[in-house]
N, C-alpha and C. Protein backbone atom coordinates (compact mmCIF):
# COMPACT_ATOMS: atom_id res chain seq x y z
N GLU A 1 3.47 -49.56 -60.92
CA GLU A 1 4.55 -48.85 -60.20
C GLU A 1 4.28 -47.34 -60.22
N ALA A 2 3.80 -46.88 -61.33
CA ALA A 2 3.45 -45.37 -61.46
C ALA A 2 2.20 -45.23 -60.46
N GLN A 3 1.26 -46.11 -60.46
CA GLN A 3 0.17 -46.00 -59.58
C GLN A 3 0.52 -45.99 -58.09
N GLU A 4 1.65 -46.86 -57.67
CA GLU A 4 2.05 -46.82 -56.29
C GLU A 4 2.77 -45.53 -56.00
N LEU A 5 3.53 -45.05 -56.97
CA LEU A 5 4.21 -43.74 -56.79
C LEU A 5 3.15 -42.56 -56.66
N THR A 6 2.24 -42.67 -57.42
CA THR A 6 1.08 -41.57 -57.29
C THR A 6 0.40 -41.73 -56.02
N GLN A 7 0.10 -42.92 -55.57
CA GLN A 7 -0.51 -43.19 -54.31
C GLN A 7 0.41 -42.66 -53.21
N THR A 8 1.65 -43.00 -53.22
CA THR A 8 2.53 -42.60 -52.15
C THR A 8 2.55 -40.96 -52.13
N LYS A 9 2.64 -40.38 -53.24
CA LYS A 9 2.67 -38.89 -53.40
C LYS A 9 1.47 -38.32 -52.72
N GLU A 10 0.28 -38.94 -53.12
CA GLU A 10 -1.12 -38.51 -52.56
C GLU A 10 -1.01 -38.65 -51.10
N GLU A 11 -0.50 -39.79 -50.51
CA GLU A 11 -0.47 -40.06 -49.15
C GLU A 11 0.42 -38.95 -48.45
N GLU A 12 1.53 -38.72 -49.11
CA GLU A 12 2.50 -37.73 -48.52
C GLU A 12 1.82 -36.35 -48.41
N LEU A 13 1.09 -35.94 -49.60
CA LEU A 13 0.47 -34.72 -49.80
C LEU A 13 -0.66 -34.57 -48.69
N PHE A 14 -1.51 -35.68 -48.57
CA PHE A 14 -2.55 -35.72 -47.63
C PHE A 14 -1.96 -35.57 -46.16
N SER A 15 -0.86 -36.25 -45.94
CA SER A 15 -0.26 -36.15 -44.57
C SER A 15 0.28 -34.80 -44.31
N SER A 16 0.83 -34.16 -45.35
CA SER A 16 1.35 -32.75 -45.28
C SER A 16 0.19 -31.73 -45.08
N ILE A 17 -0.85 -32.02 -45.69
CA ILE A 17 -2.08 -31.19 -45.57
C ILE A 17 -2.65 -31.28 -44.19
N GLN A 18 -2.70 -32.52 -43.61
CA GLN A 18 -3.13 -32.79 -42.26
C GLN A 18 -2.22 -32.12 -41.21
N GLY A 19 -0.95 -32.11 -41.50
CA GLY A 19 0.07 -31.45 -40.66
C GLY A 19 -0.19 -29.96 -40.68
N TRP A 20 -0.47 -29.35 -41.84
CA TRP A 20 -0.65 -27.90 -41.88
C TRP A 20 -1.94 -27.57 -41.28
N LYS A 21 -2.93 -28.52 -41.42
CA LYS A 21 -4.24 -28.17 -40.74
C LYS A 21 -4.08 -28.16 -39.16
N ALA A 22 -3.30 -29.09 -38.65
CA ALA A 22 -3.07 -29.07 -37.33
C ALA A 22 -2.24 -27.94 -36.80
N HIS A 23 -1.26 -27.56 -37.65
CA HIS A 23 -0.42 -26.45 -37.39
C HIS A 23 -1.26 -25.16 -37.29
N THR A 24 -2.15 -24.99 -38.37
CA THR A 24 -2.97 -23.88 -38.39
C THR A 24 -3.96 -23.84 -37.26
N ALA A 25 -4.48 -24.87 -36.89
CA ALA A 25 -5.45 -24.86 -35.72
C ALA A 25 -4.70 -24.52 -34.43
N ALA A 26 -3.45 -24.99 -34.34
CA ALA A 26 -2.65 -24.66 -33.08
C ALA A 26 -2.29 -23.13 -33.19
N ALA A 27 -1.98 -22.59 -34.38
CA ALA A 27 -1.75 -21.17 -34.48
C ALA A 27 -3.01 -20.33 -34.14
N GLU A 28 -4.12 -20.83 -34.46
CA GLU A 28 -5.33 -20.09 -34.29
C GLU A 28 -5.62 -20.06 -32.83
N THR A 29 -5.42 -21.22 -32.16
CA THR A 29 -5.64 -21.39 -30.74
C THR A 29 -4.69 -20.38 -30.04
N GLN A 30 -3.43 -20.38 -30.36
CA GLN A 30 -2.40 -19.44 -29.78
C GLN A 30 -2.88 -17.97 -30.07
N ARG A 31 -3.27 -17.63 -31.27
CA ARG A 31 -3.73 -16.44 -31.67
C ARG A 31 -4.79 -15.90 -30.60
N SER A 32 -5.82 -16.79 -30.44
CA SER A 32 -7.03 -16.56 -29.62
C SER A 32 -6.46 -16.23 -28.15
N HIS A 33 -5.55 -17.03 -27.65
CA HIS A 33 -5.07 -16.85 -26.39
C HIS A 33 -4.26 -15.48 -26.25
N LEU A 34 -3.47 -15.23 -27.36
CA LEU A 34 -2.76 -13.85 -27.33
C LEU A 34 -3.82 -12.70 -27.41
N GLU A 35 -4.83 -12.80 -28.15
CA GLU A 35 -5.80 -11.79 -28.18
C GLU A 35 -6.44 -11.55 -26.87
N ALA A 36 -6.74 -12.64 -26.18
CA ALA A 36 -7.34 -12.57 -24.89
C ALA A 36 -6.37 -11.89 -23.92
N HIS A 37 -5.16 -12.26 -24.01
CA HIS A 37 -4.05 -11.70 -23.16
C HIS A 37 -3.92 -10.09 -23.44
N ILE A 38 -3.92 -9.88 -24.76
CA ILE A 38 -3.84 -8.35 -25.08
C ILE A 38 -5.02 -7.71 -24.52
N LYS A 39 -6.28 -8.13 -24.70
CA LYS A 39 -7.44 -7.62 -24.11
C LYS A 39 -7.32 -7.41 -22.53
N ALA A 40 -6.76 -8.38 -21.89
CA ALA A 40 -6.70 -8.31 -20.44
C ALA A 40 -5.61 -7.24 -20.07
N LEU A 41 -4.50 -7.12 -20.85
CA LEU A 41 -3.55 -6.14 -20.63
C LEU A 41 -4.10 -4.76 -20.88
N ARG A 42 -4.98 -4.54 -21.93
CA ARG A 42 -5.53 -3.32 -22.23
C ARG A 42 -6.53 -2.92 -21.14
N ASP A 43 -7.28 -3.86 -20.57
CA ASP A 43 -8.29 -3.64 -19.48
C ASP A 43 -7.38 -3.25 -18.23
N ALA A 44 -6.35 -3.87 -17.95
CA ALA A 44 -5.40 -3.57 -16.76
C ALA A 44 -4.96 -2.12 -17.00
N HIS A 45 -4.49 -1.80 -18.13
CA HIS A 45 -3.97 -0.57 -18.45
C HIS A 45 -5.01 0.55 -18.20
N GLN A 46 -6.27 0.38 -18.65
CA GLN A 46 -7.35 1.29 -18.44
C GLN A 46 -7.61 1.44 -16.98
N THR A 47 -7.65 0.26 -16.27
CA THR A 47 -7.89 0.28 -14.70
C THR A 47 -6.81 1.11 -14.11
N ILE A 48 -5.59 0.93 -14.43
CA ILE A 48 -4.41 1.64 -13.82
C ILE A 48 -4.45 3.17 -14.21
N GLU A 49 -4.89 3.41 -15.40
CA GLU A 49 -5.08 4.86 -15.73
C GLU A 49 -6.17 5.51 -14.92
N LYS A 50 -7.31 4.78 -14.71
CA LYS A 50 -8.38 5.30 -13.93
C LYS A 50 -8.03 5.57 -12.56
N GLU A 51 -7.28 4.53 -11.98
CA GLU A 51 -6.83 4.56 -10.54
C GLU A 51 -5.87 5.75 -10.33
N ARG A 52 -4.95 5.90 -11.38
CA ARG A 52 -4.03 7.12 -11.39
C ARG A 52 -4.80 8.38 -11.36
N ASP A 53 -5.76 8.48 -12.19
CA ASP A 53 -6.68 9.78 -12.25
C ASP A 53 -7.32 10.01 -11.05
N GLU A 54 -7.82 9.00 -10.41
CA GLU A 54 -8.46 9.05 -9.21
C GLU A 54 -7.54 9.37 -8.05
N SER A 55 -6.40 8.83 -8.12
CA SER A 55 -5.31 9.24 -7.10
C SER A 55 -4.94 10.76 -7.24
N LYS A 56 -4.72 11.06 -8.51
CA LYS A 56 -4.42 12.59 -8.76
C LYS A 56 -5.49 13.42 -8.17
N ALA A 57 -6.77 13.10 -8.38
CA ALA A 57 -7.89 13.96 -7.93
C ALA A 57 -7.90 13.96 -6.27
N ALA A 58 -7.65 12.72 -5.77
CA ALA A 58 -7.54 12.72 -4.22
C ALA A 58 -6.47 13.54 -3.74
N VAL A 59 -5.29 13.44 -4.36
CA VAL A 59 -4.08 14.26 -4.03
C VAL A 59 -4.38 15.80 -4.07
N GLU A 60 -5.04 16.17 -5.11
CA GLU A 60 -5.40 17.55 -5.26
C GLU A 60 -6.42 18.01 -4.26
N GLN A 61 -7.40 17.21 -4.00
CA GLN A 61 -8.34 17.46 -2.88
C GLN A 61 -7.63 17.56 -1.53
N LEU A 62 -6.84 16.61 -1.25
CA LEU A 62 -6.11 16.69 0.11
C LEU A 62 -5.21 17.85 0.10
N SER A 63 -4.58 18.28 -1.03
CA SER A 63 -3.77 19.54 -1.05
C SER A 63 -4.58 20.71 -0.67
N GLN A 64 -5.73 20.74 -1.20
CA GLN A 64 -6.66 21.89 -1.04
C GLN A 64 -7.17 21.98 0.38
N GLN A 65 -7.46 20.71 0.92
CA GLN A 65 -7.89 20.52 2.37
C GLN A 65 -6.73 21.07 3.22
N VAL A 66 -5.46 20.61 2.98
CA VAL A 66 -4.33 20.92 3.78
C VAL A 66 -4.17 22.47 3.71
N LEU A 67 -4.22 23.05 2.59
CA LEU A 67 -4.07 24.47 2.41
C LEU A 67 -5.23 25.28 3.19
N GLY A 68 -6.41 24.76 3.21
CA GLY A 68 -7.55 25.36 3.92
C GLY A 68 -7.30 25.28 5.44
N GLU A 69 -6.72 24.06 5.81
CA GLU A 69 -6.44 23.88 7.26
C GLU A 69 -5.28 24.79 7.72
N LYS A 70 -4.32 24.97 6.88
CA LYS A 70 -3.15 25.90 7.08
C LYS A 70 -3.69 27.31 7.26
N LEU A 71 -4.62 27.65 6.45
CA LEU A 71 -5.22 29.08 6.46
C LEU A 71 -5.97 29.20 7.84
N LEU A 72 -6.72 28.22 8.10
CA LEU A 72 -7.39 28.29 9.35
C LEU A 72 -6.52 28.31 10.61
N ILE A 73 -5.42 27.52 10.63
CA ILE A 73 -4.42 27.51 11.70
C ILE A 73 -3.77 28.89 11.78
N ASP A 74 -3.36 29.46 10.56
CA ASP A 74 -2.85 30.82 10.67
C ASP A 74 -3.85 31.90 11.25
N TYR A 75 -5.08 31.71 10.82
CA TYR A 75 -6.23 32.59 11.40
C TYR A 75 -6.34 32.43 12.89
N ILE A 76 -6.32 31.24 13.33
CA ILE A 76 -6.41 30.89 14.70
C ILE A 76 -5.20 31.61 15.50
N GLU A 77 -3.98 31.32 14.95
CA GLU A 77 -2.80 31.81 15.61
C GLU A 77 -2.86 33.32 15.64
N GLY A 78 -3.38 34.02 14.58
CA GLY A 78 -3.48 35.45 14.68
C GLY A 78 -4.54 35.88 15.75
N TRP A 79 -5.58 35.15 15.98
CA TRP A 79 -6.43 35.50 16.97
C TRP A 79 -5.87 35.24 18.43
N LYS A 80 -5.08 34.22 18.48
CA LYS A 80 -4.42 33.90 19.74
C LYS A 80 -3.45 35.04 20.11
N ASN A 81 -2.74 35.53 19.07
CA ASN A 81 -1.79 36.58 19.33
C ASN A 81 -2.53 37.92 19.77
N HIS A 82 -3.67 38.12 19.05
CA HIS A 82 -4.50 39.21 19.44
C HIS A 82 -5.07 39.20 20.81
N VAL A 83 -5.52 37.91 21.19
CA VAL A 83 -5.98 37.83 22.60
C VAL A 83 -4.84 38.00 23.64
N THR A 84 -3.69 37.51 23.28
CA THR A 84 -2.54 37.60 24.16
C THR A 84 -2.14 39.13 24.34
N ALA A 85 -2.32 39.87 23.28
CA ALA A 85 -2.03 41.35 23.33
C ALA A 85 -3.19 42.03 24.14
N LEU A 86 -4.30 41.59 24.13
CA LEU A 86 -5.51 42.18 24.79
C LEU A 86 -5.35 41.84 26.26
N GLU A 87 -4.93 40.58 26.62
CA GLU A 87 -4.61 40.23 27.97
C GLU A 87 -3.49 41.11 28.62
N CYS A 88 -2.49 41.36 27.72
CA CYS A 88 -1.42 42.24 28.30
C CYS A 88 -1.91 43.61 28.57
N GLN A 89 -2.75 44.20 27.64
CA GLN A 89 -3.40 45.49 27.83
C GLN A 89 -4.29 45.52 29.07
N LEU A 90 -5.05 44.48 29.31
CA LEU A 90 -5.91 44.29 30.47
C LEU A 90 -5.12 44.28 31.78
N SER A 91 -3.94 43.57 31.68
CA SER A 91 -3.06 43.45 32.83
C SER A 91 -2.46 44.87 33.23
N ASP A 92 -2.11 45.43 32.21
CA ASP A 92 -1.61 46.96 32.42
C ASP A 92 -2.67 47.84 33.01
N LEU A 93 -3.87 47.73 32.47
CA LEU A 93 -4.90 48.55 32.96
C LEU A 93 -5.28 48.12 34.41
N MET A 94 -5.24 46.88 34.60
CA MET A 94 -5.51 46.45 36.03
C MET A 94 -4.44 46.98 36.99
N ALA A 95 -3.13 46.96 36.58
CA ALA A 95 -2.11 47.55 37.37
C ALA A 95 -2.19 48.93 37.54
N GLU A 96 -2.68 49.73 36.51
CA GLU A 96 -3.04 51.12 36.73
C GLU A 96 -4.12 51.34 37.61
N LEU A 97 -5.18 50.59 37.44
CA LEU A 97 -6.32 50.71 38.40
C LEU A 97 -5.96 50.53 39.88
N GLU A 98 -5.06 49.49 40.12
CA GLU A 98 -4.57 49.27 41.48
C GLU A 98 -3.83 50.27 41.97
N ALA A 99 -2.98 50.98 41.08
CA ALA A 99 -2.17 52.19 41.46
C ALA A 99 -3.15 53.25 41.76
N LEU A 100 -4.01 53.46 40.97
CA LEU A 100 -5.07 54.61 41.38
C LEU A 100 -5.76 54.40 42.57
N ARG A 101 -6.10 53.06 42.93
CA ARG A 101 -6.73 52.87 44.18
C ARG A 101 -5.88 53.23 45.39
N ASP A 102 -4.51 52.91 45.20
CA ASP A 102 -3.56 53.22 46.33
C ASP A 102 -3.36 54.77 46.48
N VAL A 103 -3.59 55.57 45.46
CA VAL A 103 -3.25 56.88 45.54
C VAL A 103 -4.13 57.66 46.63
N PRO A 104 -5.50 57.51 46.71
CA PRO A 104 -6.17 58.18 47.67
C PRO A 104 -5.78 57.64 49.07
N ALA A 105 -5.34 56.45 49.14
CA ALA A 105 -4.99 55.86 50.59
C ALA A 105 -3.72 56.60 50.92
N LYS A 106 -2.86 57.00 50.04
CA LYS A 106 -1.62 57.58 50.39
C LYS A 106 -1.87 58.96 50.83
N VAL A 107 -2.86 59.66 50.10
CA VAL A 107 -3.10 61.12 50.35
C VAL A 107 -3.64 61.25 51.80
N GLU A 108 -4.50 60.32 52.28
CA GLU A 108 -5.00 60.48 53.65
C GLU A 108 -3.97 60.31 54.63
């Protein structure tokens, strides 16, 4: 009877050890999956940071380009105004010239 009790206890202990081994193996598998998931998340985070930095650089470059284009537009507008003023002066001079041409005709 003592031998049966010992054998039963050994079987229970063996069964318990087998259960813990299975549980430990499952936990290790889950741990491996979690580590892979964490690595994937870190990689995604790095990719997002890289894309964010690239986007910031692109926005800065576009801002500089827009500023340059605005300066060029302002420069062109300034020249257009200058040309308009010159055209007005030329028109005034042409009118004076025509007036001067008419003066000798009136004198005769």
